[in-house]
Structure formats: structure tokens, C-alpha cells
Amino acid sequence: MWAKEDEGKIDLASIDTWKLHDILRYVHSYLANLRIVEQGLRFVNAEHRWFSSEIEHGQAYQDSPWYGTVCDAITAQEFQIGVIIIWTHEVIKRTQILIDIVRVSTLFCRRHGWSKS
């Protein structure tokens, strides 16, 4: 919208709130996609936990020479997926904050007649 060195010098009447509205729509779409990704990751993580439980309680699996390797791999994947879920959730929270800031800024500019819209 404007350069960093111009901060504090911008005439608020020059703000095009319709551009902010377009950005807001894009960010809403991004947020919806992130929520879908987060739900997918939670499902995959639950599947891993179920499979891990089946391996631990099934005698046929415990007799396999690959038992330890499979358990370690599943545990590592559960951890990695858990980290990605946490990261995705944090991005969702920050994106929601961004949406709220843009929404409030747009309303403020429109109420005070400081927009081109």
C-alpha cells in the first residue's frame, strides 16, 4: 500500500478500502483452506494413533522382526504431524487476527470518510 519510510505521512483519505476488502476476501479463503488442512492432519494423526495401538496389542505384529522399526517410524510420524498441527493452528490464529485488523481498519476508515470507496 505504501513504503515503510512513508509511515505517519500518508493521508488517510488516500486509502482504498476496496483493496483492503479484496485482501480480506483472499485471506478468508486462505483461512478456510488452512482449517481444512488442519482437520486433515488431525484425522491422519488419529489414524496413526489407532494403527500404533493395533500394533502394540496385536501378537502377530510383535513377532515380526520389523516390529520395533515400525513402532519407531509411526511414533516419529505422530510427533511430526503433531508439530505441523500446532504450527497450522498458530497460523490460523494469526490469520484470524489479521482479518480482524483489516476489518476494523476498513470500518474505521469508512466511518470517518477516509476512503476512496
C-alpha atoms as a PDB file:
ATOM      1  CA  MET A   1       0.000   0.000   0.000  1.00  0.00           C
ATOM      2  CA  TRP A   2       2.831   2.412   0.870  1.00  0.00           C
ATOM      3  CA  ALA A   3       6.524   2.346   1.648  1.00  0.00           C
ATOM      4  CA  LYS A   4       7.854   1.954   5.197  1.00  0.00           C
ATOM      5  CA  GLU A   5       9.521   5.377   5.106  1.00  0.00           C
ATOM      6  CA  ASP A   6       6.123   6.971   4.379  1.00  0.00           C
ATOM      7  CA  GLU A   7       4.583   5.736   7.654  1.00  0.00           C
ATOM      8  CA  GLY A   8       2.845   8.537   9.502  1.00  0.00           C
ATOM      9  CA  LYS A   9       2.868  10.765   6.403  1.00  0.00           C
ATOM     10  CA  ILE A  10       0.044   9.131   4.474  1.00  0.00           C
ATOM     11  CA  ASP A  11      -3.225  10.987   4.011  1.00  0.00           C
ATOM     12  CA  LEU A  12      -5.858   8.551   5.252  1.00  0.00           C
ATOM     13  CA  ALA A  13      -8.208   9.764   2.514  1.00  0.00           C
ATOM     14  CA  SER A  14      -5.888   8.055   0.020  1.00  0.00           C
ATOM     15  CA  ILE A  15      -6.612   4.597   1.429  1.00  0.00           C
ATOM     16  CA  ASP A  16      -8.652   2.499  -0.963  1.00  0.00           C
ATOM     17  CA  THR A  17     -10.793   0.375   1.342  1.00  0.00           C
ATOM     18  CA  TRP A  18     -11.944  -1.732  -1.598  1.00  0.00           C
ATOM     19  CA  LYS A  19      -8.379  -3.017  -1.935  1.00  0.00           C
ATOM     20  CA  LEU A  20      -8.485  -3.878   1.758  1.00  0.00           C
ATOM     21  CA  HIS A  21     -11.785  -5.667   1.124  1.00  0.00           C
ATOM     22  CA  ASP A  22     -10.187  -7.692  -1.702  1.00  0.00           C
ATOM     23  CA  ILE A  23      -7.281  -8.602   0.562  1.00  0.00           C
ATOM     24  CA  LEU A  24      -9.746  -9.629   3.245  1.00  0.00           C
ATOM     25  CA  ARG A  25     -11.577 -11.966   0.852  1.00  0.00           C
ATOM     26  CA  TYR A  26      -8.280 -13.582  -0.152  1.00  0.00           C
ATOM     27  CA  VAL A  27      -7.254 -14.037   3.479  1.00  0.00           C
ATOM     28  CA  HIS A  28     -10.670 -15.554   4.317  1.00  0.00           C
ATOM     29  CA  SER A  29     -10.137 -18.096   1.542  1.00  0.00           C
ATOM     30  CA  TYR A  30      -6.633 -18.827   2.832  1.00  0.00           C
ATOM     31  CA  LEU A  31      -8.013 -19.299   6.347  1.00  0.00           C
ATOM     32  CA  ALA A  32     -10.693 -21.715   5.145  1.00  0.00           C
ATOM     33  CA  ASN A  33      -8.052 -23.787   3.343  1.00  0.00           C
ATOM     34  CA  LEU A  34      -5.862 -23.833   6.452  1.00  0.00           C
ATOM     35  CA  ARG A  35      -8.774 -25.124   8.522  1.00  0.00           C
ATOM     36  CA  ILE A  36      -9.302 -27.942   6.006  1.00  0.00           C
ATOM     37  CA  VAL A  37      -5.591 -28.815   6.189  1.00  0.00           C
ATOM     38  CA  GLU A  38      -5.706 -28.780   9.990  1.00  0.00           C
ATOM     39  CA  GLN A  39      -8.696 -31.150  10.068  1.00  0.00           C
ATOM     40  CA  GLY A  40      -6.995 -33.466   7.583  1.00  0.00           C
ATOM     41  CA  LEU A  41      -3.858 -33.547   9.716  1.00  0.00           C
ATOM     42  CA  ARG A  42      -5.877 -34.309  12.836  1.00  0.00           C
ATOM     43  CA  PHE A  43      -7.538 -37.222  11.014  1.00  0.00           C
ATOM     44  CA  VAL A  44      -4.191 -38.613   9.820  1.00  0.00           C
ATOM     45  CA  ASN A  45      -2.763 -38.275  13.330  1.00  0.00           C
ATOM     46  CA  ALA A  46      -5.737 -40.160  14.793  1.00  0.00           C
ATOM     47  CA  GLU A  47      -5.252 -42.905  12.193  1.00  0.00           C
ATOM     48  CA  HIS A  48      -1.587 -43.186  13.161  1.00  0.00           C
ATOM     49  CA  ARG A  49      -2.510 -43.478  16.841  1.00  0.00           C
ATOM     50  CA  TRP A  50      -5.063 -46.181  16.038  1.00  0.00           C
ATOM     51  CA  PHE A  51      -2.563 -48.124  13.919  1.00  0.00           C
ATOM     52  CA  SER A  52       0.089 -47.758  16.625  1.00  0.00           C
ATOM     53  CA  SER A  53      -2.360 -49.131  19.191  1.00  0.00           C
ATOM     54  CA  GLU A  54      -3.191 -52.075  16.922  1.00  0.00           C
ATOM     55  CA  ILE A  55       0.495 -52.888  16.513  1.00  0.00           C
ATOM     56  CA  GLU A  56       1.151 -52.712  20.259  1.00  0.00           C
ATOM     57  CA  HIS A  57      -1.766 -55.002  21.136  1.00  0.00           C
ATOM     58  CA  GLY A  58      -1.557 -57.489  18.264  1.00  0.00           C
ATOM     59  CA  GLN A  59       0.589 -60.582  18.830  1.00  0.00           C
ATOM     60  CA  ALA A  60       1.118 -61.143  15.104  1.00  0.00           C
ATOM     61  CA  TYR A  61       2.824 -57.773  14.797  1.00  0.00           C
ATOM     62  CA  GLN A  62       5.016 -58.247  17.870  1.00  0.00           C
ATOM     63  CA  ASP A  63       6.525 -61.434  16.431  1.00  0.00           C
ATOM     64  CA  SER A  64       7.683 -59.561  13.338  1.00  0.00           C
ATOM     65  CA  PRO A  65      11.386 -58.665  13.070  1.00  0.00           C
ATOM     66  CA  TRP A  66      10.251 -55.209  11.894  1.00  0.00           C
ATOM     67  CA  TYR A  67       8.102 -54.542  14.969  1.00  0.00           C
ATOM     68  CA  GLY A  68      10.497 -52.060  16.631  1.00  0.00           C
ATOM     69  CA  THR A  69      11.227 -50.232  13.391  1.00  0.00           C
ATOM     70  CA  VAL A  70       7.546 -49.852  12.514  1.00  0.00           C
ATOM     71  CA  CYS A  71       6.678 -48.630  16.027  1.00  0.00           C
ATOM     72  CA  ASP A  72       9.517 -46.089  15.951  1.00  0.00           C
ATOM     73  CA  ALA A  73       8.501 -44.854  12.494  1.00  0.00           C
ATOM     74  CA  ILE A  74       4.867 -44.409  13.498  1.00  0.00           C
ATOM     75  CA  THR A  75       5.850 -42.617  16.712  1.00  0.00           C
ATOM     76  CA  ALA A  76       8.115 -40.274  14.734  1.00  0.00           C
ATOM     77  CA  GLN A  77       5.347 -39.562  12.226  1.00  0.00           C
ATOM     78  CA  GLU A  78       2.855 -38.880  15.019  1.00  0.00           C
ATOM     79  CA  PHE A  79       5.287 -36.362  16.501  1.00  0.00           C
ATOM     80  CA  GLN A  80       5.931 -34.675  13.132  1.00  0.00           C
ATOM     81  CA  ILE A  81       2.226 -34.450  12.356  1.00  0.00           C
ATOM     82  CA  GLY A  82       1.590 -33.079  15.845  1.00  0.00           C
ATOM     83  CA  VAL A  83       4.152 -30.328  15.274  1.00  0.00           C
ATOM     84  CA  ILE A  84       2.588 -29.452  11.908  1.00  0.00           C
ATOM     85  CA  ILE A  85      -0.867 -29.331  13.539  1.00  0.00           C
ATOM     86  CA  ILE A  86       0.425 -26.927  16.193  1.00  0.00           C
ATOM     87  CA  TRP A  87       2.076 -24.749  13.512  1.00  0.00           C
ATOM     88  CA  THR A  88      -1.063 -24.761  11.367  1.00  0.00           C
ATOM     89  CA  HIS A  89      -3.222 -23.830  14.352  1.00  0.00           C
ATOM     90  CA  GLU A  90      -0.904 -20.895  15.170  1.00  0.00           C
ATOM     91  CA  VAL A  91      -1.061 -19.684  11.558  1.00  0.00           C
ATOM     92  CA  ILE A  92      -4.868 -19.896  11.708  1.00  0.00           C
ATOM     93  CA  LYS A  93      -4.938 -17.802  14.892  1.00  0.00           C
ATOM     94  CA  ARG A  94      -2.613 -15.168  13.408  1.00  0.00           C
ATOM     95  CA  THR A  95      -4.595 -15.109  10.164  1.00  0.00           C
ATOM     96  CA  GLN A  96      -7.792 -14.506  12.128  1.00  0.00           C
ATOM     97  CA  ILE A  97      -6.078 -11.608  13.920  1.00  0.00           C
ATOM     98  CA  LEU A  98      -5.058 -10.178  10.526  1.00  0.00           C
ATOM     99  CA  ILE A  99      -8.644 -10.467   9.290  1.00  0.00           C
ATOM    100  CA  ASP A 100      -9.918  -8.677  12.387  1.00  0.00           C
ATOM    101  CA  ILE A 101      -7.365  -5.867  11.986  1.00  0.00           C
ATOM    102  CA  VAL A 102      -8.227  -5.335   8.312  1.00  0.00           C
ATOM    103  CA  ARG A 103     -11.963  -5.433   9.063  1.00  0.00           C
ATOM    104  CA  VAL A 104     -11.671  -2.873  11.877  1.00  0.00           C
ATOM    105  CA  SER A 105      -9.365  -0.650   9.796  1.00  0.00           C
ATOM    106  CA  THR A 106     -11.778  -0.718   6.878  1.00  0.00           C
ATOM    107  CA  LEU A 107     -14.768   0.129   9.063  1.00  0.00           C
ATOM    108  CA  PHE A 108     -12.849   2.904  10.806  1.00  0.00           C
ATOM    109  CA  CYS A 109     -11.786   4.489   7.507  1.00  0.00           C
ATOM    110  CA  ARG A 110     -15.298   4.285   6.061  1.00  0.00           C
ATOM    111  CA  ARG A 111     -16.949   5.744   9.167  1.00  0.00           C
ATOM    112  CA  HIS A 112     -14.609   8.702   9.165  1.00  0.00           C
ATOM    113  CA  GLY A 113     -14.861   9.234   5.412  1.00  0.00           C
ATOM    114  CA  TRP A 114     -11.171   8.395   4.970  1.00  0.00           C
ATOM    115  CA  SER A 115     -11.506   6.125   1.982  1.00  0.00           C
ATOM    116  CA  LYS A 116     -11.847   6.297  -1.773  1.00  0.00           C
ATOM    117  CA  SER A 117     -14.782   3.881  -1.726  1.00  0.00           C
END
